[in-house]
Amino acid sequence: MTLIPHANDKSVPAPAVLRGHVTRATGRLRDTAVHVGRLVEDKTPDPVLAGALRTATRVRETAARAGRFAGHRRLDPVRAGAGRAATLARANRTALTTAVGVLTAAVLARRARRARRTK
């Protein structure tokens, strides 16, 4: 059996039939996911569920606060600063590349020294 039928093959189902298959499969997967979720919830201890609920609430509130904060702030100064930084980086590519290379070499040397000391 071929996985990808040829376009001239008479056994290729019509798009409406394929949509029906996809709809039924999606429904079955959704039902299975709900069932598995209930099983996991039933087997999870109550303290863990309570902690997960607290954490989810905290994350939701933090995301809402961040959204409100971002909505109230004007981003023009940030864009201007990013533009200045990009212009400066373009103007000093050689110096920036050299600085990054030196910093990378220093970090690698420090890690190598630390690895030798722990042996």
C-alpha atoms as a PDB file:
ATOM      1  CA  MET A   1       0.000   0.000   0.000  1.00  0.00           C
ATOM      2  CA  THR A   2       1.384   3.391  -0.929  1.00  0.00           C
ATOM      3  CA  LEU A   3       1.290   6.177   1.597  1.00  0.00           C
ATOM      4  CA  ILE A   4       0.879   8.939  -0.981  1.00  0.00           C
ATOM      5  CA  PRO A   5      -1.569   7.945  -3.733  1.00  0.00           C
ATOM      6  CA  HIS A   6      -1.072   9.143  -7.261  1.00  0.00           C
ATOM      7  CA  ALA A   7      -3.343  11.979  -8.427  1.00  0.00           C
ATOM      8  CA  ASN A   8      -4.822   9.814 -11.218  1.00  0.00           C
ATOM      9  CA  ASP A   9      -5.563   6.941  -8.870  1.00  0.00           C
ATOM     10  CA  LYS A  10      -9.304   6.240  -8.631  1.00  0.00           C
ATOM     11  CA  SER A  11      -9.044   5.311  -4.923  1.00  0.00           C
ATOM     12  CA  VAL A  12      -8.146   8.865  -3.866  1.00  0.00           C
ATOM     13  CA  PRO A  13     -11.070  10.145  -1.769  1.00  0.00           C
ATOM     14  CA  ALA A  14     -12.737  13.421  -2.596  1.00  0.00           C
ATOM     15  CA  PRO A  15     -11.889  16.498  -0.506  1.00  0.00           C
ATOM     16  CA  ALA A  16     -15.276  16.364   1.244  1.00  0.00           C
ATOM     17  CA  VAL A  17     -14.637  12.755   2.280  1.00  0.00           C
ATOM     18  CA  LEU A  18     -11.177  13.649   3.540  1.00  0.00           C
ATOM     19  CA  ARG A  19     -12.641  16.544   5.554  1.00  0.00           C
ATOM     20  CA  GLY A  20     -15.080  14.099   7.132  1.00  0.00           C
ATOM     21  CA  HIS A  21     -12.244  11.732   8.052  1.00  0.00           C
ATOM     22  CA  VAL A  22     -10.254  14.595   9.552  1.00  0.00           C
ATOM     23  CA  THR A  23     -13.264  15.850  11.518  1.00  0.00           C
ATOM     24  CA  ARG A  24     -13.941  12.395  12.980  1.00  0.00           C
ATOM     25  CA  ALA A  25     -10.257  11.851  13.817  1.00  0.00           C
ATOM     26  CA  THR A  26     -10.073  15.288  15.456  1.00  0.00           C
ATOM     27  CA  GLY A  27     -13.121  14.499  17.564  1.00  0.00           C
ATOM     28  CA  ARG A  28     -11.668  11.165  18.668  1.00  0.00           C
ATOM     29  CA  LEU A  29      -8.343  12.800  19.568  1.00  0.00           C
ATOM     30  CA  ARG A  30     -10.117  15.530  21.533  1.00  0.00           C
ATOM     31  CA  ASP A  31     -12.164  12.942  23.431  1.00  0.00           C
ATOM     32  CA  THR A  32      -9.024  10.931  24.176  1.00  0.00           C
ATOM     33  CA  ALA A  33      -7.196  14.032  25.413  1.00  0.00           C
ATOM     34  CA  VAL A  34     -10.090  14.900  27.732  1.00  0.00           C
ATOM     35  CA  HIS A  35     -10.179  11.322  29.040  1.00  0.00           C
ATOM     36  CA  VAL A  36      -6.405  11.264  29.665  1.00  0.00           C
ATOM     37  CA  GLY A  37      -6.627  14.657  31.372  1.00  0.00           C
ATOM     38  CA  ARG A  38      -9.299  13.367  33.728  1.00  0.00           C
ATOM     39  CA  LEU A  39      -7.254  10.236  34.504  1.00  0.00           C
ATOM     40  CA  VAL A  40      -4.173  12.306  35.286  1.00  0.00           C
ATOM     41  CA  GLU A  41      -6.213  14.692  37.417  1.00  0.00           C
ATOM     42  CA  ASP A  42      -7.768  11.794  39.352  1.00  0.00           C
ATOM     43  CA  LYS A  43      -4.373  10.205  40.059  1.00  0.00           C
ATOM     44  CA  THR A  44      -2.597  13.447  40.978  1.00  0.00           C
ATOM     45  CA  PRO A  45      -2.443  14.159  44.733  1.00  0.00           C
ATOM     46  CA  ASP A  46      -4.480  17.136  45.964  1.00  0.00           C
ATOM     47  CA  PRO A  47      -1.477  19.164  47.217  1.00  0.00           C
ATOM     48  CA  VAL A  48       0.121  18.959  43.767  1.00  0.00           C
ATOM     49  CA  LEU A  49      -3.119  20.075  42.099  1.00  0.00           C
ATOM     50  CA  ALA A  50      -3.433  22.974  44.545  1.00  0.00           C
ATOM     51  CA  GLY A  51       0.154  24.051  43.839  1.00  0.00           C
ATOM     52  CA  ALA A  52      -0.397  23.812  40.091  1.00  0.00           C
ATOM     53  CA  LEU A  53      -3.550  25.905  40.394  1.00  0.00           C
ATOM     54  CA  ARG A  54      -1.721  28.555  42.440  1.00  0.00           C
ATOM     55  CA  THR A  55       1.120  28.643  39.949  1.00  0.00           C
ATOM     56  CA  ALA A  56      -1.230  28.883  36.969  1.00  0.00           C
ATOM     57  CA  THR A  57      -3.110  31.722  38.642  1.00  0.00           C
ATOM     58  CA  ARG A  58       0.126  33.562  39.405  1.00  0.00           C
ATOM     59  CA  VAL A  59       1.372  33.139  35.823  1.00  0.00           C
ATOM     60  CA  ARG A  60      -1.969  34.342  34.430  1.00  0.00           C
ATOM     61  CA  GLU A  61      -1.934  37.425  36.684  1.00  0.00           C
ATOM     62  CA  THR A  62       1.684  38.203  35.806  1.00  0.00           C
ATOM     63  CA  ALA A  63       0.956  37.909  32.094  1.00  0.00           C
ATOM     64  CA  ALA A  64      -2.060  40.206  32.452  1.00  0.00           C
ATOM     65  CA  ARG A  65       0.025  42.735  34.399  1.00  0.00           C
ATOM     66  CA  ALA A  66       2.783  42.610  31.774  1.00  0.00           C
ATOM     67  CA  GLY A  67       0.203  43.137  29.036  1.00  0.00           C
ATOM     68  CA  ARG A  68      -1.233  46.159  30.812  1.00  0.00           C
ATOM     69  CA  PHE A  69       2.255  47.532  31.437  1.00  0.00           C
ATOM     70  CA  ALA A  70       3.253  47.094  27.795  1.00  0.00           C
ATOM     71  CA  GLY A  71      -0.008  48.673  26.670  1.00  0.00           C
ATOM     72  CA  HIS A  72       0.563  51.798  28.774  1.00  0.00           C
ATOM     73  CA  ARG A  73       4.189  52.344  27.805  1.00  0.00           C
ATOM     74  CA  ARG A  74       5.294  54.135  24.715  1.00  0.00           C
ATOM     75  CA  LEU A  75       7.855  52.156  22.769  1.00  0.00           C
ATOM     76  CA  ASP A  76       9.351  55.092  20.829  1.00  0.00           C
ATOM     77  CA  PRO A  77      12.288  55.594  23.248  1.00  0.00           C
ATOM     78  CA  VAL A  78      13.056  51.874  23.118  1.00  0.00           C
ATOM     79  CA  ARG A  79      13.004  51.879  19.327  1.00  0.00           C
ATOM     80  CA  ALA A  80      15.238  54.952  19.242  1.00  0.00           C
ATOM     81  CA  GLY A  81      17.732  53.314  21.618  1.00  0.00           C
ATOM     82  CA  ALA A  82      17.755  50.116  19.569  1.00  0.00           C
ATOM     83  CA  GLY A  83      18.320  52.138  16.416  1.00  0.00           C
ATOM     84  CA  ARG A  84      21.255  53.993  17.987  1.00  0.00           C
ATOM     85  CA  ALA A  85      22.757  50.697  19.197  1.00  0.00           C
ATOM     86  CA  ALA A  86      22.396  49.134  15.743  1.00  0.00           C
ATOM     87  CA  THR A  87      24.002  52.172  14.083  1.00  0.00           C
ATOM     88  CA  LEU A  88      26.871  52.123  16.571  1.00  0.00           C
ATOM     89  CA  ALA A  89      27.390  48.378  16.023  1.00  0.00           C
ATOM     90  CA  ARG A  90      27.428  48.837  12.238  1.00  0.00           C
ATOM     91  CA  ALA A  91      29.937  51.671  12.496  1.00  0.00           C
ATOM     92  CA  ASN A  92      32.284  49.729  14.787  1.00  0.00           C
ATOM     93  CA  ARG A  93      32.021  46.173  13.464  1.00  0.00           C
ATOM     94  CA  THR A  94      35.731  45.438  13.703  1.00  0.00           C
ATOM     95  CA  ALA A  95      36.022  46.627  17.280  1.00  0.00           C
ATOM     96  CA  LEU A  96      32.837  44.827  18.257  1.00  0.00           C
ATOM     97  CA  THR A  97      33.987  41.582  16.628  1.00  0.00           C
ATOM     98  CA  THR A  98      37.363  41.843  18.362  1.00  0.00           C
ATOM     99  CA  ALA A  99      35.724  42.480  21.734  1.00  0.00           C
ATOM    100  CA  VAL A 100      33.403  39.505  21.295  1.00  0.00           C
ATOM    101  CA  GLY A 101      36.339  37.294  20.307  1.00  0.00           C
ATOM    102  CA  VAL A 102      38.391  38.358  23.339  1.00  0.00           C
ATOM    103  CA  LEU A 103      35.434  37.852  25.661  1.00  0.00           C
ATOM    104  CA  THR A 104      34.750  34.395  24.190  1.00  0.00           C
ATOM    105  CA  ALA A 105      38.401  33.387  24.564  1.00  0.00           C
ATOM    106  CA  ALA A 106      38.424  34.589  28.178  1.00  0.00           C
ATOM    107  CA  VAL A 107      35.280  32.630  29.019  1.00  0.00           C
ATOM    108  CA  LEU A 108      36.608  29.479  27.353  1.00  0.00           C
ATOM    109  CA  ALA A 109      39.959  29.793  29.138  1.00  0.00           C
ATOM    110  CA  ARG A 110      38.223  30.264  32.474  1.00  0.00           C
ATOM    111  CA  ARG A 111      36.010  27.220  31.888  1.00  0.00           C
ATOM    112  CA  ALA A 112      39.019  25.118  30.861  1.00  0.00           C
ATOM    113  CA  ARG A 113      40.937  26.206  33.974  1.00  0.00           C
ATOM    114  CA  ARG A 114      37.950  25.399  36.197  1.00  0.00           C
ATOM    115  CA  ALA A 115      37.565  21.970  34.538  1.00  0.00           C
ATOM    116  CA  ARG A 116      41.263  21.157  35.162  1.00  0.00           C
ATOM    117  CA  ARG A 117      40.963  22.183  38.813  1.00  0.00           C
ATOM    118  CA  THR A 118      38.004  19.870  39.490  1.00  0.00           C
ATOM    119  CA  LYS A 119      39.796  16.774  38.171  1.00  0.00           C
END
